[in-house]
Protein backbone atom coordinates (compact mmCIF):
# COMPACT_ATOMS: atom_id res chain seq x y z
CA UNK A 1 -15.48 -4.06 14.32
CA UNK A 2 -16.15 -6.09 11.14
CA UNK A 3 -14.50 -3.33 9.12
CA UNK A 4 -11.36 -3.45 11.23
CA UNK A 5 -11.16 -7.22 10.99
CA UNK A 6 -11.43 -7.18 7.21
CA UNK A 7 -8.42 -4.89 6.64
CA UNK A 8 -6.14 -5.78 9.54
CA UNK A 9 -5.09 -9.12 8.10
CA UNK A 10 -3.46 -7.78 4.90
CA UNK A 11 -1.39 -9.75 2.45
CA UNK A 12 2.22 -8.73 1.93
CA UNK A 13 2.05 -6.08 -0.77
CA UNK A 14 -1.12 -4.44 0.58
CA UNK A 15 -1.16 -0.72 1.40
CA UNK A 16 -4.26 0.02 3.46
CA UNK A 17 -5.90 3.21 4.71
CA UNK A 18 -7.89 2.63 7.90
CA UNK A 19 -9.90 5.52 9.40
CA UNK A 20 -10.94 5.00 13.01
CA UNK A 21 -13.03 6.61 15.73
CA UNK A 22 -11.53 7.01 19.19
CA UNK A 23 -8.85 5.37 21.30
CA UNK A 24 -10.76 2.16 21.92
CA UNK A 25 -11.01 1.43 18.20
CA UNK A 26 -7.37 2.38 17.60
CA UNK A 27 -6.17 0.09 20.37
CA UNK A 28 -8.37 -2.79 19.22
CA UNK A 29 -7.04 -2.42 15.69
CA UNK A 30 -3.44 -2.40 16.94
CA UNK A 31 -4.03 -5.59 18.92
CA UNK A 32 -5.64 -7.42 15.98
CA UNK A 33 -2.96 -6.27 13.54
CA UNK A 34 -0.14 -7.33 15.85
CA UNK A 35 -1.62 -10.78 16.43
CA UNK A 36 -2.15 -11.29 12.70
CA UNK A 37 1.40 -10.26 11.93
CA UNK A 38 2.79 -12.69 14.49
CA UNK A 39 0.55 -15.46 13.16
CA UNK A 40 1.85 -14.81 9.64
CA UNK A 41 5.44 -14.96 10.95
CA UNK A 42 6.30 -11.46 9.78
CA UNK A 43 8.22 -8.73 11.57
CA UNK A 44 5.63 -6.44 13.15
CA UNK A 45 6.67 -2.78 13.14
CA UNK A 46 4.42 -0.35 15.04
CA UNK A 47 5.17 3.29 14.23
CA UNK A 48 3.63 5.61 16.81
CA UNK A 49 3.00 9.34 16.90
CA UNK A 50 0.08 10.33 19.14
CA UNK A 51 1.27 7.75 21.67
CA UNK A 52 4.85 7.00 22.72
CA UNK A 53 6.48 3.60 22.09
CA UNK A 54 6.72 3.08 25.86
CA UNK A 55 3.03 3.74 26.49
CA UNK A 56 2.08 1.61 23.49
CA UNK A 57 4.10 -1.29 24.86
CA UNK A 58 2.54 -0.89 28.32
CA UNK A 59 -1.05 -1.32 27.15
CA UNK A 60 -0.45 -3.63 24.18
CA UNK A 61 1.78 -6.28 25.75
CA UNK A 62 -0.89 -7.68 28.14
CA UNK A 63 -3.36 -7.96 25.23
CA UNK A 64 -1.19 -10.02 22.86
CA UNK A 65 -0.19 -13.54 23.91
CA UNK A 66 3.56 -14.05 23.62
CA UNK A 67 4.23 -10.34 23.05
CA UNK A 68 7.23 -10.07 25.37
CA UNK A 69 8.96 -13.10 23.84
CA UNK A 70 8.24 -11.86 20.31
CA UNK A 71 9.67 -8.43 21.09
CA UNK A 72 12.76 -9.96 22.71
CA UNK A 73 13.26 -12.10 19.60
CA UNK A 74 13.02 -9.04 17.35
CA UNK A 75 9.69 -10.01 15.82
CA UNK A 76 8.00 -6.89 17.18
CA UNK A 77 9.46 -3.38 17.04
CA UNK A 78 7.77 -0.22 18.37
CA UNK A 79 9.23 2.97 16.94
CA UNK A 80 8.47 6.67 17.22
CA UNK A 81 7.46 8.38 14.00
CA UNK A 82 10.04 11.09 14.71
CA UNK A 83 12.71 8.41 14.27
CA UNK A 84 11.29 6.89 11.08
CA UNK A 85 9.67 9.68 9.05
CA UNK A 86 11.55 12.88 9.87
CA UNK A 87 15.02 14.38 9.74
CA UNK A 88 15.52 17.68 11.58
CA UNK A 89 11.75 18.04 11.81
CA UNK A 90 11.15 17.65 8.06
CA UNK A 91 9.49 14.72 6.34
CA UNK A 92 12.19 12.48 4.88
CA UNK A 93 10.74 9.94 2.40
CA UNK A 94 14.17 8.42 1.86
CA UNK A 95 14.49 7.70 5.55
CA UNK A 96 11.10 5.98 5.56
CA UNK A 97 12.07 3.75 2.63
CA UNK A 98 15.47 2.89 4.07
CA UNK A 99 14.00 2.14 7.48
CA UNK A 100 11.41 -0.24 6.07
CA UNK A 101 13.99 -1.94 3.82
CA UNK A 102 16.30 -2.38 6.81
CA UNK A 103 13.43 -3.89 8.78
CA UNK A 104 12.90 -6.37 5.95
CA UNK A 105 16.58 -7.29 5.99
CA UNK A 106 16.34 -7.95 9.73
CA UNK A 107 13.17 -9.96 9.19
CA UNK A 108 14.79 -12.21 6.59
CA UNK A 109 17.80 -12.83 8.84
CA UNK A 110 15.45 -14.08 11.54
CA UNK A 111 13.46 -16.30 9.19
CA UNK A 112 10.44 -13.98 9.09
CA UNK A 113 8.41 -13.63 5.90
CA UNK A 114 8.36 -9.84 5.51
CA UNK A 115 7.27 -6.68 7.31
CA UNK A 116 3.86 -5.87 8.79
CA UNK A 117 3.83 -2.11 9.50
CA UNK A 118 1.08 -0.28 11.39
CA UNK A 119 1.53 3.48 11.10
CA UNK A 120 -0.13 6.24 13.11
CA UNK A 121 -0.91 8.71 10.31
CA UNK A 122 -1.42 11.64 12.68
CA UNK A 123 2.17 12.63 11.83
CA UNK A 124 0.75 14.35 8.72
CA UNK A 125 -2.23 16.22 10.14
CA UNK A 126 -0.57 19.63 9.61
CA UNK A 127 -0.02 18.97 5.91
CA UNK A 128 -2.72 16.60 4.68
CA UNK A 129 -2.11 17.27 0.95
CA UNK A 130 1.62 16.64 1.42
CA UNK A 131 0.86 13.48 3.36
CA UNK A 132 -1.41 12.21 0.56
CA UNK A 133 1.33 12.87 -1.98
CA UNK A 134 3.77 10.91 0.17
CA UNK A 135 1.32 8.01 0.56
CA UNK A 136 0.87 7.88 -3.23
CA UNK A 137 4.61 7.97 -3.92
CA UNK A 138 5.37 5.18 -1.46
CA UNK A 139 3.00 2.81 -3.30
CA UNK A 140 5.99 1.90 -5.46
CA UNK A 141 7.46 -0.03 -2.51
CA UNK A 142 4.56 -2.44 -2.30
CA UNK A 143 5.06 -4.00 -5.73
CA UNK A 144 7.94 -5.98 -4.26
CA UNK A 145 5.42 -7.84 -2.03
CA UNK A 146 7.50 -7.95 1.16
CA UNK A 147 5.68 -5.14 2.95
CA UNK A 148 2.13 -4.80 4.23
CA UNK A 149 1.18 -1.48 5.81
CA UNK A 150 -1.96 -0.20 7.47
CA UNK A 151 -2.11 3.58 7.97
CA UNK A 152 -4.44 4.61 10.80
CA UNK A 153 -6.29 7.91 10.30
CA UNK A 154 -8.06 9.36 13.33
CA UNK A 155 -11.40 10.88 12.31
CA UNK A 156 -11.17 13.08 15.39
CA UNK A 157 -8.01 14.74 14.07
CA UNK A 158 -8.44 14.74 10.29
CA UNK A 159 -11.32 16.47 8.48
CA UNK A 160 -13.43 14.29 6.18
CA UNK A 161 -11.85 15.68 3.01
CA UNK A 162 -8.34 14.83 4.25
CA UNK A 163 -9.32 11.24 5.02
CA UNK A 164 -11.05 10.91 1.65
CA UNK A 165 -7.91 12.23 -0.04
CA UNK A 166 -5.74 9.74 1.83
CA UNK A 167 -8.05 6.80 1.12
CA UNK A 168 -8.07 7.59 -2.60
CA UNK A 169 -4.30 7.17 -2.91
CA UNK A 170 -4.26 3.88 -0.98
CA UNK A 171 -4.95 0.81 -3.13
CA UNK A 172 -7.08 -0.61 -0.31
CA UNK A 173 -9.46 1.15 2.08
CA UNK A 174 -12.86 0.35 3.61
CA UNK A 175 -15.79 0.97 1.24
CA UNK A 176 -13.66 1.27 -1.89
CA UNK A 177 -12.50 -1.11 -4.61
CA UNK A 178 -9.60 -3.37 -3.68
CA UNK A 179 -6.47 -3.25 -5.85
CA UNK A 180 -3.42 -5.48 -5.53
CA UNK A 181 -0.31 -5.35 -7.66
CA UNK A 182 3.17 -6.82 -8.02
CA UNK A 183 6.27 -6.07 -10.02
CA UNK A 184 7.00 -8.44 -12.93
CA UNK A 185 10.17 -9.84 -11.39
CA UNK A 186 13.32 -9.02 -13.33
CA UNK A 187 11.53 -7.62 -16.40
CA UNK A 188 9.98 -4.12 -16.27
CA UNK A 189 6.25 -4.26 -15.81
CA UNK A 190 3.41 -4.88 -13.46
CA UNK A 191 0.78 -7.44 -12.55
CA UNK A 192 -2.51 -6.08 -11.19
CA UNK A 193 -5.58 -7.86 -9.84
CA UNK A 194 -8.76 -7.01 -7.99
CA UNK A 195 -10.94 -4.06 -9.01
CA UNK A 196 -10.23 -0.50 -10.14
CA UNK A 197 -12.79 2.29 -10.24
CA UNK A 198 -13.18 5.91 -9.21
CA UNK A 199 -12.56 5.10 -5.54
CA UNK A 200 -8.97 3.89 -6.03
CA UNK A 201 -8.15 5.41 -9.43
CA UNK A 202 -5.59 7.80 -7.94
CA UNK A 203 -3.81 4.87 -6.31
CA UNK A 204 -3.73 3.08 -9.67
CA UNK A 205 -2.24 6.20 -11.29
CA UNK A 206 0.55 6.24 -8.70
CA UNK A 207 1.24 2.54 -9.30
CA UNK A 208 1.55 3.14 -13.07
CA UNK A 209 3.65 6.32 -12.79
CA UNK A 210 7.08 4.64 -12.32
CA UNK A 211 6.58 2.72 -15.59
CA UNK A 212 6.71 5.97 -17.56
CA UNK A 213 10.45 6.15 -16.83
CA UNK A 214 11.22 2.67 -18.20
CA UNK A 215 13.10 2.94 -21.53
CA UNK A 216 12.29 -0.52 -22.94
CA UNK A 217 9.21 -2.68 -23.35
CA UNK A 218 6.81 -2.82 -20.42
CA UNK A 219 4.16 -5.50 -19.92
CA UNK A 220 1.16 -4.79 -17.69
CA UNK A 221 -0.56 -8.06 -16.84
CA UNK A 222 -4.15 -7.17 -16.03
CA UNK A 223 -5.53 -10.65 -16.69
CA UNK A 224 -6.43 -10.97 -13.00
CA UNK A 225 -8.54 -7.82 -12.88
CA UNK A 226 -12.20 -8.48 -12.16
CA UNK A 227 -13.27 -4.96 -13.12
CA UNK A 228 -11.86 -1.69 -14.45
CA UNK A 229 -13.91 1.35 -15.39
CA UNK A 230 -13.25 3.46 -18.48
CA UNK A 231 -11.68 6.34 -16.56
CA UNK A 232 -9.18 4.03 -14.89
CA UNK A 233 -8.44 2.24 -18.18
CA UNK A 234 -7.65 5.63 -19.67
CA UNK A 235 -4.68 5.82 -17.29
CA UNK A 236 -3.07 2.99 -19.26
CA UNK A 237 -3.31 5.17 -22.37
CA UNK A 238 -1.71 8.09 -20.52
CA UNK A 239 1.12 5.81 -19.38
CA UNK A 240 1.70 4.49 -22.90
CA UNK A 241 1.68 8.00 -24.41
CA UNK A 242 4.45 9.01 -22.02
CA UNK A 243 6.62 6.11 -23.18
CA UNK A 244 8.33 5.20 -26.48
CA UNK A 245 5.75 4.28 -29.17
CA UNK A 246 4.87 0.59 -29.32
CA UNK A 247 6.64 -0.30 -26.08
CA UNK A 248 3.64 -0.83 -23.79
CA UNK A 249 1.69 -4.10 -23.77
CA UNK A 250 -1.41 -4.86 -21.72
CA UNK A 251 -2.43 -8.48 -21.18
CA UNK A 252 -6.12 -8.69 -20.27
CA UNK A 253 -9.40 -10.52 -20.63
CA UNK A 254 -12.07 -9.89 -23.24
CA UNK A 255 -14.07 -7.43 -21.13
CA UNK A 256 -11.11 -5.17 -20.48
CA UNK A 257 -9.98 -5.46 -24.11
CA UNK A 258 -13.37 -4.10 -25.15
CA UNK A 259 -13.05 -1.19 -22.75
CA UNK A 260 -9.58 -0.34 -24.10
CA UNK A 261 -10.87 -0.50 -27.66
CA UNK A 262 -13.88 1.72 -26.87
CA UNK A 263 -11.67 4.47 -25.39
CA UNK A 264 -9.17 4.24 -28.25
CA UNK A 265 -6.35 2.95 -26.07
CA UNK A 266 -5.36 0.35 -28.66
CA UNK A 267 -3.88 3.16 -30.77
CA UNK A 268 -1.14 3.50 -28.13
CA UNK A 269 -1.20 0.19 -26.26
CA UNK A 270 -0.58 -3.29 -27.65
CA UNK A 271 -3.50 -5.32 -26.30
CA UNK A 272 -2.85 -9.03 -25.89
CA UNK A 273 -5.67 -11.32 -24.79
CA UNK A 274 -4.94 -13.47 -21.75
CA UNK A 275 -4.16 -17.01 -22.88
CA UNK A 276 -2.90 -15.99 -26.33
CA UNK A 277 0.50 -17.34 -27.29
């Protein structure tokens, strides 16, 4: 269970893909995630699909100290995926976003620090490509750093290629590079840290995509990146080429500046070394 333990204590802003094997592992992960969310003083939202909210409560409550009091106080909510992800049987991304935002509003009113969401991803098993596209699009939410979500993928339900596809669009998953990011506050832009390579390159592309619509200057602060490969750095060039000329700046260390220069990105991106005035 070392894998489960390493991804079930996410920071706010983390979007995690967690494959699992069997009910015992799923239940253990749910218990650990819930306890970590309570310890962090967040609102814990458990979104079920294969199991009902009532059954989930029945087996989970005895395993988590203080569960009943936390649920009574509104710190734990157990919801059915049908009531969070779908309208008239169709996936409704707007409903998902509104529901999570409303949960954050409730959390703040109760003095909680944000939202810890554990989501049973089996809701998408009939349309794995559509689910992956949804998971990529929702990455935009996490730049605000009030939401942490772990999406549980049952290896008994999803074929290997579907799980690989889902993991690739999550910034964090077991056995892949770990990417974290945050919006630049009031100014358009992004701060990224961690590592980016082939394993999470698609997630990085989805994080950059909203910046293409920004009309003014955008600053991407990559000074906290420990590693980026050439293919992932090329995505910064693609983003800059989709924007007004001269309006995209990347702040980075010497190693990344060399990579950007080698791939010719500095013809489209203004590269500013970290620490320069």
